Amino acid sequence: MTDMSRTSASFQRFISDAPDHKAAWFQAVQALGAASTLDVKTQSLIYIGILAALRLESGVGFHVMEAKARGASRDDIISAVLTGLPAAGNGVISALGPALDAFDGA
């Protein structure tokens, strides 16, 4: 599993204070991943694009490191963040900084 220190303080609190819910959440995430026909790198990149479109920057760093570990390049990360630009608008741009900071190890 990727380093959880890149998750938001709220998510870390969820993990520590609600272990039963965390276990259920992680089980659901793993089952959904297993049901997907996409390779794990593609799944990671799509998820980053969704986080950007929903303006959930707090989760971007963690998922960028996961995508990087699965073979995503810096250009893949940029493309994933900006793919939603036509549909979601320029709000996705706010995720670009946190994504590249995580990828570059800042």
PDB file of N, CA and C in Angstrom:
ATOM      1  N   MET A   1       0.846  -1.175   0.000  1.00  0.00           N
ATOM      2  CA  MET A   1       0.000   0.000   0.000  1.00  0.00           C
ATOM      3  C   MET A   1       0.893   1.240   0.000  1.00  0.00           C
ATOM      4  N   THR A   2       0.405   2.288  -0.623  1.00  0.00           N
ATOM      5  CA  THR A   2       1.141   3.539  -0.699  1.00  0.00           C
ATOM      6  C   THR A   2       1.187   4.213   0.673  1.00  0.00           C
ATOM      7  N   ASP A   3       2.201   5.009   0.897  1.00  0.00           N
ATOM      8  CA  ASP A   3       2.398   5.745   2.144  1.00  0.00           C
ATOM      9  C   ASP A   3       1.161   6.574   2.483  1.00  0.00           C
ATOM     10  N   MET A   4       0.526   6.280   3.590  1.00  0.00           N
ATOM     11  CA  MET A   4      -0.707   6.974   3.983  1.00  0.00           C
ATOM     12  C   MET A   4      -0.451   8.385   4.510  1.00  0.00           C
ATOM     13  N   SER A   5       0.817   8.773   4.671  1.00  0.00           N
ATOM     14  CA  SER A   5       1.099  10.127   5.145  1.00  0.00           C
ATOM     15  C   SER A   5       0.699  11.172   4.108  1.00  0.00           C
ATOM     16  N   ARG A   6       0.462  10.757   2.879  1.00  0.00           N
ATOM     17  CA  ARG A   6       0.026  11.679   1.821  1.00  0.00           C
ATOM     18  C   ARG A   6      -1.490  11.868   1.811  1.00  0.00           C
ATOM     19  N   THR A   7      -2.193  11.214   2.719  1.00  0.00           N
ATOM     20  CA  THR A   7      -3.642  11.404   2.788  1.00  0.00           C
ATOM     21  C   THR A   7      -3.954  12.609   3.662  1.00  0.00           C
ATOM     22  N   SER A   8      -5.155  13.125   3.514  1.00  0.00           N
ATOM     23  CA  SER A   8      -5.556  14.296   4.289  1.00  0.00           C
ATOM     24  C   SER A   8      -5.651  13.955   5.772  1.00  0.00           C
ATOM     25  N   ALA A   9      -5.599  14.974   6.590  1.00  0.00           N
ATOM     26  CA  ALA A   9      -5.744  14.780   8.043  1.00  0.00           C
ATOM     27  C   ALA A   9      -7.102  14.153   8.359  1.00  0.00           C
ATOM     28  N   SER A  10      -8.122  14.552   7.629  1.00  0.00           N
ATOM     29  CA  SER A  10      -9.456  13.985   7.856  1.00  0.00           C
ATOM     30  C   SER A  10      -9.483  12.496   7.548  1.00  0.00           C
ATOM     31  N   PHE A  11      -8.826  12.099   6.454  1.00  0.00           N
ATOM     32  CA  PHE A  11      -8.816  10.683   6.096  1.00  0.00           C
ATOM     33  C   PHE A  11      -7.977   9.887   7.091  1.00  0.00           C
ATOM     34  N   GLN A  12      -6.879  10.452   7.556  1.00  0.00           N
ATOM     35  CA  GLN A  12      -6.070   9.780   8.570  1.00  0.00           C
ATOM     36  C   GLN A  12      -6.869   9.595   9.856  1.00  0.00           C
ATOM     37  N   ARG A  13      -7.683  10.580  10.188  1.00  0.00           N
ATOM     38  CA  ARG A  13      -8.531  10.472  11.386  1.00  0.00           C
ATOM     39  C   ARG A  13      -9.566   9.373  11.200  1.00  0.00           C
ATOM     40  N   PHE A  14     -10.141   9.309  10.004  1.00  0.00           N
ATOM     41  CA  PHE A  14     -11.095   8.248   9.669  1.00  0.00           C
ATOM     42  C   PHE A  14     -10.445   6.875   9.871  1.00  0.00           C
ATOM     43  N   ILE A  15      -9.217   6.722   9.387  1.00  0.00           N
ATOM     44  CA  ILE A  15      -8.499   5.452   9.501  1.00  0.00           C
ATOM     45  C   ILE A  15      -8.246   5.080  10.953  1.00  0.00           C
ATOM     46  N   SER A  16      -7.852   6.056  11.753  1.00  0.00           N
ATOM     47  CA  SER A  16      -7.491   5.751  13.135  1.00  0.00           C
ATOM     48  C   SER A  16      -8.696   5.627  14.070  1.00  0.00           C
ATOM     49  N   ASP A  17      -9.737   6.398  13.818  1.00  0.00           N
ATOM     50  CA  ASP A  17     -10.847   6.447  14.772  1.00  0.00           C
ATOM     51  C   ASP A  17     -12.062   5.602  14.388  1.00  0.00           C
ATOM     52  N   ALA A  18     -12.087   5.109  13.171  1.00  0.00           N
ATOM     53  CA  ALA A  18     -13.226   4.301  12.737  1.00  0.00           C
ATOM     54  C   ALA A  18     -12.720   3.044  12.025  1.00  0.00           C
ATOM     55  N   PRO A  19     -12.021   2.171  12.751  1.00  0.00           N
ATOM     56  CA  PRO A  19     -11.377   1.018  12.099  1.00  0.00           C
ATOM     57  C   PRO A  19     -12.345   0.072  11.396  1.00  0.00           C
ATOM     58  N   ASP A  20     -13.535  -0.122  11.927  1.00  0.00           N
ATOM     59  CA  ASP A  20     -14.488  -1.018  11.274  1.00  0.00           C
ATOM     60  C   ASP A  20     -14.977  -0.426   9.957  1.00  0.00           C
ATOM     61  N   HIS A  21     -15.237   0.875   9.973  1.00  0.00           N
ATOM     62  CA  HIS A  21     -15.668   1.544   8.747  1.00  0.00           C
ATOM     63  C   HIS A  21     -14.529   1.587   7.728  1.00  0.00           C
ATOM     64  N   LYS A  22     -13.314   1.814   8.226  1.00  0.00           N
ATOM     65  CA  LYS A  22     -12.139   1.802   7.353  1.00  0.00           C
ATOM     66  C   LYS A  22     -12.003   0.451   6.665  1.00  0.00           C
ATOM     67  N   ALA A  23     -12.153  -0.614   7.430  1.00  0.00           N
ATOM     68  CA  ALA A  23     -12.038  -1.960   6.867  1.00  0.00           C
ATOM     69  C   ALA A  23     -13.096  -2.198   5.795  1.00  0.00           C
ATOM     70  N   ALA A  24     -14.313  -1.762   6.060  1.00  0.00           N
ATOM     71  CA  ALA A  24     -15.388  -1.918   5.080  1.00  0.00           C
ATOM     72  C   ALA A  24     -15.106  -1.089   3.834  1.00  0.00           C
ATOM     73  N   TRP A  25     -14.627   0.127   4.026  1.00  0.00           N
ATOM     74  CA  TRP A  25     -14.305   1.007   2.906  1.00  0.00           C
ATOM     75  C   TRP A  25     -13.196   0.393   2.044  1.00  0.00           C
ATOM     76  N   PHE A  26     -12.109  -0.050   2.690  1.00  0.00           N
ATOM     77  CA  PHE A  26     -10.996  -0.625   1.942  1.00  0.00           C
ATOM     78  C   PHE A  26     -11.411  -1.900   1.211  1.00  0.00           C
ATOM     79  N   GLN A  27     -12.271  -2.695   1.830  1.00  0.00           N
ATOM     80  CA  GLN A  27     -12.757  -3.914   1.183  1.00  0.00           C
ATOM     81  C   GLN A  27     -13.550  -3.551  -0.071  1.00  0.00           C
ATOM     82  N   ALA A  28     -14.399  -2.541   0.017  1.00  0.00           N
ATOM     83  CA  ALA A  28     -15.185  -2.104  -1.145  1.00  0.00           C
ATOM     84  C   ALA A  28     -14.270  -1.580  -2.252  1.00  0.00           C
ATOM     85  N   VAL A  29     -13.272  -0.790  -1.882  1.00  0.00           N
ATOM     86  CA  VAL A  29     -12.333  -0.240  -2.861  1.00  0.00           C
ATOM     87  C   VAL A  29     -11.601  -1.374  -3.581  1.00  0.00           C
ATOM     88  N   GLN A  30     -11.135  -2.353  -2.827  1.00  0.00           N
ATOM     89  CA  GLN A  30     -10.418  -3.487  -3.432  1.00  0.00           C
ATOM     90  C   GLN A  30     -11.339  -4.288  -4.346  1.00  0.00           C
ATOM     91  N   ALA A  31     -12.578  -4.500  -3.938  1.00  0.00           N
ATOM     92  CA  ALA A  31     -13.521  -5.271  -4.753  1.00  0.00           C
ATOM     93  C   ALA A  31     -13.857  -4.528  -6.042  1.00  0.00           C
ATOM     94  N   LEU A  32     -14.031  -3.223  -5.962  1.00  0.00           N
ATOM     95  CA  LEU A  32     -14.312  -2.438  -7.166  1.00  0.00           C
ATOM     96  C   LEU A  32     -13.119  -2.454  -8.118  1.00  0.00           C
ATOM     97  N   GLY A  33     -11.929  -2.375  -7.572  1.00  0.00           N
ATOM     98  CA  GLY A  33     -10.731  -2.453  -8.404  1.00  0.00           C
ATOM     99  C   GLY A  33     -10.614  -3.808  -9.092  1.00  0.00           C
ATOM    100  N   ALA A  34     -10.910  -4.855  -8.359  1.00  0.00           N
ATOM    101  CA  ALA A  34     -10.825  -6.205  -8.917  1.00  0.00           C
ATOM    102  C   ALA A  34     -11.883  -6.432 -10.002  1.00  0.00           C
ATOM    103  N   ALA A  35     -13.025  -5.759  -9.882  1.00  0.00           N
ATOM    104  CA  ALA A  35     -14.091  -5.935 -10.862  1.00  0.00           C
ATOM    105  C   ALA A  35     -13.817  -5.182 -12.161  1.00  0.00           C
ATOM    106  N   SER A  36     -12.923  -4.218 -12.110  1.00  0.00           N
ATOM    107  CA  SER A  36     -12.630  -3.401 -13.281  1.00  0.00           C
ATOM    108  C   SER A  36     -11.846  -4.187 -14.325  1.00  0.00           C
ATOM    109  N   THR A  37     -12.125  -3.911 -15.576  1.00  0.00           N
ATOM    110  CA  THR A  37     -11.363  -4.518 -16.665  1.00  0.00           C
ATOM    111  C   THR A  37     -10.154  -3.669 -17.044  1.00  0.00           C
ATOM    112  N   LEU A  38     -10.007  -2.513 -16.414  1.00  0.00           N
ATOM    113  CA  LEU A  38      -8.882  -1.624 -16.695  1.00  0.00           C
ATOM    114  C   LEU A  38      -7.647  -2.064 -15.917  1.00  0.00           C
ATOM    115  N   ASP A  39      -6.473  -1.812 -16.473  1.00  0.00           N
ATOM    116  CA  ASP A  39      -5.255  -2.095 -15.725  1.00  0.00           C
ATOM    117  C   ASP A  39      -5.127  -1.075 -14.582  1.00  0.00           C
ATOM    118  N   VAL A  40      -4.321  -1.397 -13.588  1.00  0.00           N
ATOM    119  CA  VAL A  40      -4.261  -0.578 -12.371  1.00  0.00           C
ATOM    120  C   VAL A  40      -3.710   0.827 -12.634  1.00  0.00           C
ATOM    121  N   LYS A  41      -2.793   0.966 -13.565  1.00  0.00           N
ATOM    122  CA  LYS A  41      -2.276   2.295 -13.889  1.00  0.00           C
ATOM    123  C   LYS A  41      -3.386   3.167 -14.465  1.00  0.00           C
ATOM    124  N   THR A  42      -4.143   2.627 -15.397  1.00  0.00           N
ATOM    125  CA  THR A  42      -5.246   3.374 -16.006  1.00  0.00           C
ATOM    126  C   THR A  42      -6.295   3.729 -14.958  1.00  0.00           C
ATOM    127  N   GLN A  43      -6.619   2.778 -14.083  1.00  0.00           N
ATOM    128  CA  GLN A  43      -7.574   3.057 -13.008  1.00  0.00           C
ATOM    129  C   GLN A  43      -7.086   4.224 -12.152  1.00  0.00           C
ATOM    130  N   SER A  44      -5.806   4.217 -11.822  1.00  0.00           N
ATOM    131  CA  SER A  44      -5.244   5.281 -10.990  1.00  0.00           C
ATOM    132  C   SER A  44      -5.334   6.632 -11.679  1.00  0.00           C
ATOM    133  N   LEU A  45      -5.014   6.668 -12.959  1.00  0.00           N
ATOM    134  CA  LEU A  45      -5.061   7.930 -13.704  1.00  0.00           C
ATOM    135  C   LEU A  45      -6.487   8.460 -13.823  1.00  0.00           C
ATOM    136  N   ILE A  46      -7.429   7.575 -14.065  1.00  0.00           N
ATOM    137  CA  ILE A  46      -8.831   7.997 -14.137  1.00  0.00           C
ATOM    138  C   ILE A  46      -9.271   8.556 -12.790  1.00  0.00           C
ATOM    139  N   TYR A  47      -8.885   7.892 -11.723  1.00  0.00           N
ATOM    140  CA  TYR A  47      -9.275   8.343 -10.384  1.00  0.00           C
ATOM    141  C   TYR A  47      -8.717   9.740 -10.093  1.00  0.00           C
ATOM    142  N   ILE A  48      -7.488   9.994 -10.506  1.00  0.00           N
ATOM    143  CA  ILE A  48      -6.890  11.321 -10.323  1.00  0.00           C
ATOM    144  C   ILE A  48      -7.697  12.365 -11.094  1.00  0.00           C
ATOM    145  N   GLY A  49      -8.096  12.028 -12.309  1.00  0.00           N
ATOM    146  CA  GLY A  49      -8.926  12.942 -13.095  1.00  0.00           C
ATOM    147  C   GLY A  49     -10.256  13.223 -12.425  1.00  0.00           C
ATOM    148  N   ILE A  50     -10.842  12.213 -11.815  1.00  0.00           N
ATOM    149  CA  ILE A  50     -12.113  12.403 -11.106  1.00  0.00           C
ATOM    150  C   ILE A  50     -11.909  13.280  -9.881  1.00  0.00           C
ATOM    151  N   LEU A  51     -10.848  13.032  -9.122  1.00  0.00           N
ATOM    152  CA  LEU A  51     -10.559  13.889  -7.968  1.00  0.00           C
ATOM    153  C   LEU A  51     -10.398  15.344  -8.395  1.00  0.00           C
ATOM    154  N   ALA A  52      -9.693  15.563  -9.503  1.00  0.00           N
ATOM    155  CA  ALA A  52      -9.496  16.924  -9.996  1.00  0.00           C
ATOM    156  C   ALA A  52     -10.830  17.552 -10.387  1.00  0.00           C
ATOM    157  N   ALA A  53     -11.667  16.806 -11.098  1.00  0.00           N
ATOM    158  CA  ALA A  53     -12.959  17.328 -11.539  1.00  0.00           C
ATOM    159  C   ALA A  53     -13.875  17.658 -10.366  1.00  0.00           C
ATOM    160  N   LEU A  54     -13.772  16.864  -9.306  1.00  0.00           N
ATOM    161  CA  LEU A  54     -14.596  17.103  -8.116  1.00  0.00           C
ATOM    162  C   LEU A  54     -13.954  18.083  -7.136  1.00  0.00           C
ATOM    163  N   ARG A  55     -12.764  18.564  -7.485  1.00  0.00           N
ATOM    164  CA  ARG A  55     -12.011  19.518  -6.671  1.00  0.00           C
ATOM    165  C   ARG A  55     -11.668  18.948  -5.296  1.00  0.00           C
ATOM    166  N   LEU A  56     -11.267  17.709  -5.272  1.00  0.00           N
ATOM    167  CA  LEU A  56     -10.882  17.021  -4.045  1.00  0.00           C
ATOM    168  C   LEU A  56      -9.364  16.920  -3.976  1.00  0.00           C
ATOM    169  N   GLU A  57      -8.713  18.077  -3.964  1.00  0.00           N
ATOM    170  CA  GLU A  57      -7.255  18.120  -4.004  1.00  0.00           C
ATOM    171  C   GLU A  57      -6.597  17.402  -2.841  1.00  0.00           C
ATOM    172  N   SER A  58      -7.294  17.286  -1.709  1.00  0.00           N
ATOM    173  CA  SER A  58      -6.670  16.653  -0.542  1.00  0.00           C
ATOM    174  C   SER A  58      -6.323  15.191  -0.789  1.00  0.00           C
ATOM    175  N   GLY A  59      -6.970  14.547  -1.737  1.00  0.00           N
ATOM    176  CA  GLY A  59      -6.670  13.152  -2.029  1.00  0.00           C
ATOM    177  C   GLY A  59      -5.705  12.956  -3.182  1.00  0.00           C
ATOM    178  N   VAL A  60      -5.357  14.050  -3.851  1.00  0.00           N
ATOM    179  CA  VAL A  60      -4.553  13.942  -5.063  1.00  0.00           C
ATOM    180  C   VAL A  60      -3.159  13.386  -4.788  1.00  0.00           C
ATOM    181  N   GLY A  61      -2.459  13.897  -3.784  1.00  0.00           N
ATOM    182  CA  GLY A  61      -1.084  13.470  -3.515  1.00  0.00           C
ATOM    183  C   GLY A  61      -0.962  11.972  -3.311  1.00  0.00           C
ATOM    184  N   PHE A  62      -1.835  11.419  -2.511  1.00  0.00           N
ATOM    185  CA  PHE A  62      -1.813   9.980  -2.253  1.00  0.00           C
ATOM    186  C   PHE A  62      -1.996   9.195  -3.544  1.00  0.00           C
ATOM    187  N   HIS A  63      -2.990   9.583  -4.333  1.00  0.00           N
ATOM    188  CA  HIS A  63      -3.299   8.823  -5.540  1.00  0.00           C
ATOM    189  C   HIS A  63      -2.271   9.046  -6.647  1.00  0.00           C
ATOM    190  N   VAL A  64      -1.621  10.194  -6.658  1.00  0.00           N
ATOM    191  CA  VAL A  64      -0.528  10.403  -7.603  1.00  0.00           C
ATOM    192  C   VAL A  64       0.624   9.458  -7.281  1.00  0.00           C
ATOM    193  N   MET A  65       0.969   9.325  -6.013  1.00  0.00           N
ATOM    194  CA  MET A  65       2.063   8.420  -5.645  1.00  0.00           C
ATOM    195  C   MET A  65       1.696   6.976  -5.965  1.00  0.00           C
ATOM    196  N   GLU A  66       0.443   6.630  -5.805  1.00  0.00           N
ATOM    197  CA  GLU A  66      -0.015   5.289  -6.165  1.00  0.00           C
ATOM    198  C   GLU A  66       0.115   5.074  -7.678  1.00  0.00           C
ATOM    199  N   ALA A  67      -0.298   6.083  -8.456  1.00  0.00           N
ATOM    200  CA  ALA A  67      -0.191   5.982  -9.916  1.00  0.00           C
ATOM    201  C   ALA A  67       1.273   5.907 -10.355  1.00  0.00           C
ATOM    202  N   LYS A  68       2.122   6.692  -9.715  1.00  0.00           N
ATOM    203  CA  LYS A  68       3.550   6.671 -10.038  1.00  0.00           C
ATOM    204  C   LYS A  68       4.132   5.283  -9.776  1.00  0.00           C
ATOM    205  N   ALA A  69       3.754   4.683  -8.655  1.00  0.00           N
ATOM    206  CA  ALA A  69       4.222   3.337  -8.321  1.00  0.00           C
ATOM    207  C   ALA A  69       3.720   2.302  -9.331  1.00  0.00           C
ATOM    208  N   ARG A  70       2.630   2.614  -9.986  1.00  0.00           N
ATOM    209  CA  ARG A  70       2.051   1.707 -10.981  1.00  0.00           C
ATOM    210  C   ARG A  70       2.532   2.021 -12.396  1.00  0.00           C
ATOM    211  N   GLY A  71       3.525   2.913 -12.513  1.00  0.00           N
ATOM    212  CA  GLY A  71       4.149   3.167 -13.806  1.00  0.00           C
ATOM    213  C   GLY A  71       3.743   4.439 -14.509  1.00  0.00           C
ATOM    214  N   ALA A  72       2.947   5.292 -13.868  1.00  0.00           N
ATOM    215  CA  ALA A  72       2.530   6.541 -14.507  1.00  0.00           C
ATOM    216  C   ALA A  72       3.688   7.531 -14.561  1.00  0.00           C
ATOM    217  N   SER A  73       3.784   8.233 -15.661  1.00  0.00           N
ATOM    218  CA  SER A  73       4.814   9.262 -15.818  1.00  0.00           C
ATOM    219  C   SER A  73       4.269  10.617 -15.368  1.00  0.00           C
ATOM    220  N   ARG A  74       5.138  11.583 -15.258  1.00  0.00           N
ATOM    221  CA  ARG A  74       4.732  12.949 -14.909  1.00  0.00           C
ATOM    222  C   ARG A  74       3.743  13.480 -15.948  1.00  0.00           C
ATOM    223  N   ASP A  75       4.016  13.212 -17.229  1.00  0.00           N
ATOM    224  CA  ASP A  75       3.098  13.646 -18.286  1.00  0.00           C
ATOM    225  C   ASP A  75       1.751  12.937 -18.190  1.00  0.00           C
ATOM    226  N   ASP A  76       1.746  11.665 -17.762  1.00  0.00           N
ATOM    227  CA  ASP A  76       0.478  10.962 -17.539  1.00  0.00           C
ATOM    228  C   ASP A  76      -0.340  11.669 -16.465  1.00  0.00           C
ATOM    229  N   ILE A  77       0.325  12.102 -15.395  1.00  0.00           N
ATOM    230  CA  ILE A  77      -0.363  12.790 -14.292  1.00  0.00           C
ATOM    231  C   ILE A  77      -0.959  14.099 -14.792  1.00  0.00           C
ATOM    232  N   ILE A  78      -0.178  14.866 -15.535  1.00  0.00           N
ATOM    233  CA  ILE A  78      -0.685  16.130 -16.081  1.00  0.00           C
ATOM    234  C   ILE A  78      -1.911  15.874 -16.955  1.00  0.00           C
ATOM    235  N   SER A  79      -1.821  14.883 -17.822  1.00  0.00           N
ATOM    236  CA  SER A  79      -2.950  14.560 -18.695  1.00  0.00           C
ATOM    237  C   SER A  79      -4.171  14.108 -17.899  1.00  0.00           C
ATOM    238  N   ALA A  80      -3.947  13.312 -16.868  1.00  0.00           N
ATOM    239  CA  ALA A  80      -5.070  12.836 -16.051  1.00  0.00           C
ATOM    240  C   ALA A  80      -5.787  14.001 -15.376  1.00  0.00           C
ATOM    241  N   VAL A  81      -5.025  14.927 -14.826  1.00  0.00           N
ATOM    242  CA  VAL A  81      -5.628  16.086 -14.151  1.00  0.00           C
ATOM    243  C   VAL A  81      -6.397  16.942 -15.152  1.00  0.00           C
ATOM    244  N   LEU A  82      -5.827  17.165 -16.307  1.00  0.00           N
ATOM    245  CA  LEU A  82      -6.400  18.124 -17.254  1.00  0.00           C
ATOM    246  C   LEU A  82      -7.400  17.520 -18.239  1.00  0.00           C
ATOM    247  N   THR A  83      -7.587  16.210 -18.241  1.00  0.00           N
ATOM    248  CA  THR A  83      -8.547  15.589 -19.148  1.00  0.00           C
ATOM    249  C   THR A  83      -9.957  16.115 -18.922  1.00  0.00           C
ATOM    250  N   GLY A  84     -10.309  16.410 -17.695  1.00  0.00           N
ATOM    251  CA  GLY A  84     -11.654  16.900 -17.391  1.00  0.00           C
ATOM    252  C   GLY A  84     -11.872  18.373 -17.679  1.00  0.00           C
ATOM    253  N   LEU A  85     -10.855  19.059 -18.143  1.00  0.00           N
ATOM    254  CA  LEU A  85     -10.950  20.506 -18.370  1.00  0.00           C
ATOM    255  C   LEU A  85     -12.145  20.896 -19.231  1.00  0.00           C
ATOM    256  N   PRO A  86     -12.401  20.261 -20.381  1.00  0.00           N
ATOM    257  CA  PRO A  86     -13.550  20.680 -21.185  1.00  0.00           C
ATOM    258  C   PRO A  86     -14.899  20.465 -20.488  1.00  0.00           C
ATOM    259  N   ALA A  87     -15.021  19.368 -19.748  1.00  0.00           N
ATOM    260  CA  ALA A  87     -16.303  19.047 -19.118  1.00  0.00           C
ATOM    261  C   ALA A  87     -16.475  19.702 -17.753  1.00  0.00           C
ATOM    262  N   ALA A  88     -15.419  19.754 -16.972  1.00  0.00           N
ATOM    263  CA  ALA A  88     -15.514  20.237 -15.591  1.00  0.00           C
ATOM    264  C   ALA A  88     -15.084  21.684 -15.442  1.00  0.00           C
ATOM    265  N   GLY A  89     -14.433  22.226 -16.444  1.00  0.00           N
ATOM    266  CA  GLY A  89     -13.994  23.609 -16.372  1.00  0.00           C
ATOM    267  C   GLY A  89     -12.635  23.745 -15.723  1.00  0.00           C
ATOM    268  N   ASN A  90     -12.241  25.008 -15.558  1.00  0.00           N
ATOM    269  CA  ASN A  90     -10.887  25.263 -15.076  1.00  0.00           C
ATOM    270  C   ASN A  90     -10.666  24.919 -13.611  1.00  0.00           C
ATOM    271  N   GLY A  91     -11.676  24.422 -12.913  1.00  0.00           N
ATOM    272  CA  GLY A  91     -11.491  23.965 -11.539  1.00  0.00           C
ATOM    273  C   GLY A  91     -10.475  22.845 -11.428  1.00  0.00           C
ATOM    274  N   VAL A  92     -10.325  22.063 -12.494  1.00  0.00           N
ATOM    275  CA  VAL A  92      -9.369  20.956 -12.456  1.00  0.00           C
ATOM    276  C   VAL A  92      -7.937  21.471 -12.335  1.00  0.00           C
ATOM    277  N   ILE A  93      -7.700  22.702 -12.766  1.00  0.00           N
ATOM    278  CA  ILE A  93      -6.351  23.266 -12.718  1.00  0.00           C
ATOM    279  C   ILE A  93      -5.840  23.361 -11.284  1.00  0.00           C
ATOM    280  N   SER A  94      -6.745  23.536 -10.328  1.00  0.00           N
ATOM    281  CA  SER A  94      -6.311  23.653  -8.937  1.00  0.00           C
ATOM    282  C   SER A  94      -5.672  22.374  -8.413  1.00  0.00           C
ATOM    283  N   ALA A  95      -5.924  21.252  -9.063  1.00  0.00           N
ATOM    284  CA  ALA A  95      -5.322  19.982  -8.641  1.00  0.00           C
ATOM    285  C   ALA A  95      -3.946  19.765  -9.253  1.00  0.00           C
ATOM    286  N   LEU A  96      -3.580  20.583 -10.246  1.00  0.00           N
ATOM    287  CA  LEU A  96      -2.316  20.361 -10.939  1.00  0.00           C
ATOM    288  C   LEU A  96      -1.111  20.569 -10.027  1.00  0.00           C
ATOM    289  N   GLY A  97      -1.108  21.635  -9.245  1.00  0.00           N
ATOM    290  CA  GLY A  97       0.006  21.895  -8.329  1.00  0.00           C
ATOM    291  C   GLY A  97       0.214  20.780  -7.324  1.00  0.00           C
ATOM    292  N   PRO A  98      -0.840  20.405  -6.571  1.00  0.00           N
ATOM    293  CA  PRO A  98      -0.671  19.304  -5.623  1.00  0.00           C
ATOM    294  C   PRO A  98      -0.256  17.988  -6.292  1.00  0.00           C
ATOM    295  N   ALA A  99      -0.769  17.742  -7.482  1.00  0.00           N
ATOM    296  CA  ALA A  99      -0.402  16.514  -8.186  1.00  0.00           C
ATOM    297  C   ALA A  99       1.068  16.488  -8.559  1.00  0.00           C
ATOM    298  N   LEU A 100       1.560  17.577  -9.112  1.00  0.00           N
ATOM    299  CA  LEU A 100       2.958  17.616  -9.530  1.00  0.00           C
ATOM    300  C   LEU A 100       3.902  17.699  -8.324  1.00  0.00           C
ATOM    301  N   ASP A 101       3.468  18.386  -7.261  1.00  0.00           N
ATOM    302  CA  ASP A 101       4.281  18.414  -6.041  1.00  0.00           C
ATOM    303  C   ASP A 101       4.457  16.985  -5.503  1.00  0.00           C
ATOM    304  N   ALA A 102       3.382  16.222  -5.487  1.00  0.00           N
ATOM    305  CA  ALA A 102       3.463  14.845  -5.004  1.00  0.00           C
ATOM    306  C   ALA A 102       4.349  14.015  -5.916  1.00  0.00           C
ATOM    307  N   PHE A 103       4.169  14.143  -7.223  1.00  0.00           N
ATOM    308  CA  PHE A 103       4.965  13.358  -8.159  1.00  0.00           C
ATOM    309  C   PHE A 103       6.445  13.692  -8.047  1.00  0.00           C
ATOM    310  N   ASP A 104       6.734  14.987  -7.926  1.00  0.00           N
ATOM    311  CA  ASP A 104       8.126  15.426  -7.877  1.00  0.00           C
ATOM    312  C   ASP A 104       8.746  15.268  -6.493  1.00  0.00           C
ATOM    313  N   GLY A 105       7.935  14.859  -5.519  1.00  0.00           N
ATOM    314  CA  GLY A 105       8.455  14.614  -4.177  1.00  0.00           C
ATOM    315  C   GLY A 105       8.577  15.841  -3.321  1.00  0.00           C
ATOM    316  N   ALA A 106       7.856  16.880  -3.658  1.00  0.00           N
ATOM    317  CA  ALA A 106       7.926  18.133  -2.870  1.00  0.00           C
ATOM    318  C   ALA A 106       7.217  17.977  -1.551  1.00  0.00           C
TER     319      ALA A 106
END
